[in-house]
Amino acid sequence: MVFALLAATTSHAFSQNENMVLIPAGEFQMGSRASEDETPHTVHLSAFIIDKFEVTQEQFEQVMGNNPSDFKGTNLPVEQVTWYEARDYCKKVGKRLPTEAEWEKAARAATHTTYTWGDTIDGGYAWYWDNSKRRTHPVGTRKPNAFGLHDMSGNVWEWVADYYEDTYYQSSPKKNPAGPFTSKYRVIRGGSWRDLPDFLRTTRRNYDLPAGRFNHIGFRCARSVE
């Protein structure tokens, strides 16, 4: 369905083989009242497409020539990758990192619940502390959200394009927000194999140093639709 929409709204010949999903243009409610840095606000985003899966170690090594991951496996998500390396990988394959707003809209999948699947934790959708056995798992082995995206909660946190600022939501532009101009940190979203349920909420914000390497942070790429 999402690819039918894509064919109807753009001339680009994207296919299911690219494992990307169209997120249509429109408004959504971003944030929540669960944390002070998640101030609820309305956002309007242009259409974009986003990877169906987290970038794997096999994909990363084919493009970048190395595999920095701690937990080795061709179909495991790449981790211990810096924000800069994630950005560069996406650029090399003709994509980019999603903005924080794009990531949240994709993760929410038109829902208003705590998690993309409902208000209580469900290990069928996510690898997290209780079921991960303290490691990453092959991408796409948990159930997808309503947009067909896998591992938007759990497995590894995902770098997004934005700098982090705890008050940004209070003054961010309504249309296509791209984050604050500068900061010490970059945003990560989604939670990971080592996290408790609260960190897997679709609105949960987190951040880390962009030059850092962590075995619980990976990424996926996005692309604008013109």
Protein backbone atom coordinates (compact mmCIF):
# COMPACT_ATOMS: atom_id res chain seq x y z
CA MET A 1 0.00 0.00 0.00
CA VAL A 2 2.71 2.46 0.92
CA PHE A 3 4.54 1.72 -2.32
CA ALA A 4 1.36 2.23 -4.30
CA LEU A 5 1.08 5.63 -2.67
CA LEU A 6 4.68 6.34 -3.57
CA ALA A 7 4.12 5.50 -7.21
CA ALA A 8 1.16 7.85 -7.26
CA THR A 9 2.97 10.78 -5.66
CA THR A 10 6.46 10.76 -7.17
CA SER A 11 8.21 9.95 -10.40
CA HIS A 12 11.11 8.23 -8.65
CA ALA A 13 11.17 4.52 -9.41
CA PHE A 14 11.63 3.21 -5.88
CA SER A 15 10.75 -0.45 -5.43
CA GLN A 16 10.05 -2.86 -2.63
CA ASN A 17 13.48 -4.34 -3.25
CA GLU A 18 14.98 -1.17 -1.80
CA ASN A 19 13.25 -1.97 1.49
CA MET A 20 12.05 1.57 2.01
CA VAL A 21 8.60 2.77 3.04
CA LEU A 22 6.81 5.98 2.09
CA ILE A 23 5.62 8.19 4.93
CA PRO A 24 3.04 10.54 3.36
CA ALA A 25 3.05 14.29 3.88
CA GLY A 26 0.84 15.74 6.60
CA GLU A 27 0.47 16.77 10.22
CA PHE A 28 0.96 14.68 13.32
CA GLN A 29 1.14 15.30 17.06
CA MET A 30 4.75 15.04 18.20
CA GLY A 31 5.89 14.60 21.80
CA SER A 32 4.01 13.73 24.98
CA ARG A 33 3.61 14.81 28.59
CA ALA A 34 5.72 11.94 29.86
CA SER A 35 8.91 14.02 30.08
CA GLU A 36 9.79 17.72 30.22
CA ASP A 37 11.75 17.57 26.96
CA GLU A 38 8.82 16.01 25.05
CA THR A 39 6.50 19.05 24.98
CA PRO A 40 3.51 18.08 22.77
CA HIS A 41 3.25 20.11 19.56
CA THR A 42 1.86 19.80 16.04
CA VAL A 43 4.30 19.18 13.19
CA HIS A 44 3.74 19.18 9.43
CA LEU A 45 6.19 17.08 7.43
CA SER A 46 6.74 16.75 3.71
CA ALA A 47 6.60 13.20 2.35
CA PHE A 48 9.72 11.08 2.79
CA ILE A 49 10.81 7.47 2.57
CA ILE A 50 12.65 5.61 5.30
CA ASP A 51 14.46 2.30 5.57
CA LYS A 52 12.25 -0.60 6.56
CA PHE A 53 15.10 -2.08 8.62
CA GLU A 54 18.06 -0.84 10.62
CA VAL A 55 21.27 -0.82 8.57
CA THR A 56 22.98 -4.20 8.87
CA GLN A 57 26.65 -4.99 9.33
CA GLU A 58 26.78 -6.56 5.86
CA GLN A 59 25.38 -3.40 4.25
CA PHE A 60 27.67 -1.12 6.21
CA GLU A 61 30.81 -3.12 5.43
CA GLN A 62 30.00 -3.28 1.72
CA VAL A 63 29.80 0.51 1.55
CA MET A 64 32.28 1.67 4.18
CA GLY A 65 34.84 -1.15 4.05
CA ASN A 66 34.82 -1.96 7.76
CA ASN A 67 32.59 -3.30 10.51
CA PRO A 68 33.02 -1.66 13.94
CA SER A 69 30.30 -3.74 15.62
CA ASP A 70 30.73 -5.53 18.94
CA PHE A 71 28.13 -8.26 18.28
CA LYS A 72 29.20 -9.70 14.93
CA GLY A 73 26.72 -11.02 12.36
CA THR A 74 25.92 -10.10 8.75
CA ASN A 75 22.22 -9.45 9.42
CA LEU A 76 22.68 -7.90 12.85
CA PRO A 77 22.33 -4.12 13.03
CA VAL A 78 25.63 -2.29 12.73
CA GLU A 79 26.57 -0.66 16.05
CA GLN A 80 29.55 1.09 17.59
CA VAL A 81 29.16 3.42 14.64
CA THR A 82 29.59 7.16 15.22
CA TRP A 83 27.01 9.72 14.15
CA TYR A 84 29.48 10.92 11.52
CA GLU A 85 29.89 7.43 10.07
CA ALA A 86 26.11 6.95 9.99
CA ARG A 87 25.74 10.27 8.17
CA ASP A 88 28.47 9.35 5.69
CA TYR A 89 27.01 5.90 4.99
CA CYS A 90 23.61 7.37 4.23
CA LYS A 91 25.19 9.95 1.93
CA LYS A 92 27.18 7.29 0.04
CA VAL A 93 24.01 5.34 -0.74
CA GLY A 94 22.09 8.44 -1.87
CA LYS A 95 20.13 8.90 1.34
CA ARG A 96 20.43 10.84 4.61
CA LEU A 97 19.69 10.41 8.28
CA PRO A 98 16.03 11.10 9.15
CA THR A 99 15.22 14.16 11.20
CA GLU A 100 13.95 13.56 14.71
CA ALA A 101 10.45 14.58 13.62
CA GLU A 102 10.54 12.21 10.65
CA TRP A 103 11.73 9.39 12.86
CA GLU A 104 8.92 9.92 15.36
CA LYS A 105 6.22 10.15 12.71
CA ALA A 106 7.49 6.90 11.18
CA ALA A 107 7.66 5.21 14.58
CA ARG A 108 4.21 6.35 15.66
CA ALA A 109 2.61 5.01 12.46
CA ALA A 110 -0.48 7.19 13.00
CA THR A 111 -0.97 5.95 16.57
CA HIS A 112 -1.35 7.92 19.79
CA THR A 113 -0.38 5.14 22.19
CA THR A 114 2.68 4.76 24.42
CA TYR A 115 4.28 2.32 22.01
CA THR A 116 3.57 1.92 18.32
CA TRP A 117 1.56 -1.25 19.08
CA GLY A 118 -0.34 -0.11 22.23
CA ASP A 119 0.06 1.05 25.80
CA THR A 120 1.77 -1.99 27.32
CA ILE A 121 5.12 -3.52 26.43
CA ASP A 122 4.99 -6.40 23.93
CA GLY A 123 8.16 -8.38 23.27
CA GLY A 124 6.74 -9.55 19.97
CA TYR A 125 7.55 -6.10 18.57
CA ALA A 126 10.85 -5.27 20.24
CA TRP A 127 14.15 -6.65 21.51
CA TYR A 128 14.69 -5.06 24.91
CA TRP A 129 16.07 -5.89 28.37
CA ASP A 130 13.60 -8.66 29.21
CA ASN A 131 13.96 -10.71 26.02
CA SER A 132 17.22 -9.72 24.30
CA LYS A 133 19.62 -11.97 26.27
CA ARG A 134 21.81 -8.84 26.51
CA ARG A 135 22.69 -8.58 22.82
CA THR A 136 21.43 -7.42 19.43
CA HIS A 137 19.35 -9.62 17.12
CA PRO A 138 18.93 -9.90 13.33
CA VAL A 139 16.94 -7.01 11.91
CA GLY A 140 13.31 -7.63 11.03
CA THR A 141 12.77 -10.55 13.40
CA ARG A 142 10.21 -8.67 15.52
CA LYS A 143 6.77 -7.65 14.21
CA PRO A 144 6.58 -4.39 12.21
CA ASN A 145 4.53 -1.34 13.07
CA ALA A 146 1.49 -0.28 11.03
CA PHE A 147 3.76 1.40 8.44
CA GLY A 148 5.67 -1.84 7.91
CA LEU A 149 8.81 -0.66 9.74
CA HIS A 150 10.76 -3.08 11.93
CA ASP A 151 12.76 -2.42 15.11
CA MET A 152 11.63 1.17 15.55
CA SER A 153 11.57 0.19 19.22
CA GLY A 154 14.43 -1.82 20.65
CA ASN A 155 17.40 -3.72 19.19
CA VAL A 156 19.59 -0.60 18.84
CA TRP A 157 19.04 3.10 19.40
CA GLU A 158 19.12 5.02 16.11
CA TRP A 159 21.08 8.16 15.31
CA VAL A 160 18.98 10.89 13.69
CA ALA A 161 20.13 14.10 12.03
CA ASP A 162 19.26 16.58 14.78
CA TYR A 163 21.32 18.15 17.50
CA TYR A 164 19.75 17.66 20.95
CA GLU A 165 18.32 20.48 23.04
CA ASP A 166 15.93 19.76 25.91
CA THR A 167 13.76 22.85 25.23
CA TYR A 168 13.71 22.61 21.43
CA TYR A 169 10.12 21.38 21.18
CA GLN A 170 8.90 24.57 22.88
CA SER A 171 10.00 26.76 19.97
CA SER A 172 10.56 24.46 16.99
CA PRO A 173 9.00 25.44 13.65
CA LYS A 174 5.77 23.70 12.73
CA LYS A 175 6.88 22.71 9.22
CA ASN A 176 9.75 20.27 8.69
CA PRO A 177 11.67 20.99 11.93
CA ALA A 178 15.35 20.09 11.62
CA GLY A 179 16.54 20.54 15.20
CA PRO A 180 18.55 23.29 16.90
CA PHE A 181 21.44 24.99 15.13
CA THR A 182 24.14 23.48 17.31
CA SER A 183 24.73 21.43 20.49
CA LYS A 184 27.26 19.11 22.10
CA TYR A 185 25.01 16.10 21.47
CA ARG A 186 23.06 14.40 18.68
CA VAL A 187 19.66 12.78 19.18
CA ILE A 188 19.14 9.03 19.35
CA ARG A 189 15.69 7.42 19.27
CA GLY A 190 13.96 4.08 19.80
CA GLY A 191 15.60 2.31 22.71
CA SER A 192 17.74 -0.81 22.52
CA TRP A 193 18.43 -4.38 23.62
CA ARG A 194 19.75 -3.09 26.96
CA ASP A 195 16.82 -0.83 27.88
CA LEU A 196 13.73 -1.05 30.06
CA PRO A 197 10.27 -0.42 28.53
CA ASP A 198 10.13 3.33 29.22
CA PHE A 199 13.01 3.91 26.82
CA LEU A 200 11.05 2.22 24.01
CA ARG A 201 8.20 4.75 24.02
CA THR A 202 7.72 6.31 20.56
CA THR A 203 8.14 9.80 21.99
CA ARG A 204 11.16 9.04 24.22
CA ARG A 205 14.12 11.30 23.46
CA ASN A 206 17.75 10.52 24.21
CA TYR A 207 21.15 11.79 23.08
CA ASP A 208 24.84 11.04 23.03
CA LEU A 209 28.18 12.38 21.83
CA PRO A 210 28.33 12.13 18.01
CA ALA A 211 31.91 10.80 18.06
CA GLY A 212 31.03 8.07 20.55
CA ARG A 213 30.93 4.35 19.79
CA PHE A 214 28.35 2.25 21.63
CA ASN A 215 27.15 -1.31 21.07
CA HIS A 216 23.56 -0.20 21.59
CA ILE A 217 23.45 2.56 18.91
CA GLY A 218 22.95 2.05 15.17
CA PHE A 219 20.85 3.83 12.54
CA ARG A 220 18.60 3.70 9.48
CA CYS A 221 18.48 6.10 6.52
CA ALA A 222 15.78 8.21 4.89
CA ARG A 223 15.30 10.12 1.64
CA SER A 224 13.17 13.09 0.70
CA VAL A 225 10.38 12.66 -1.85
CA GLU A 226 10.36 15.39 -4.50
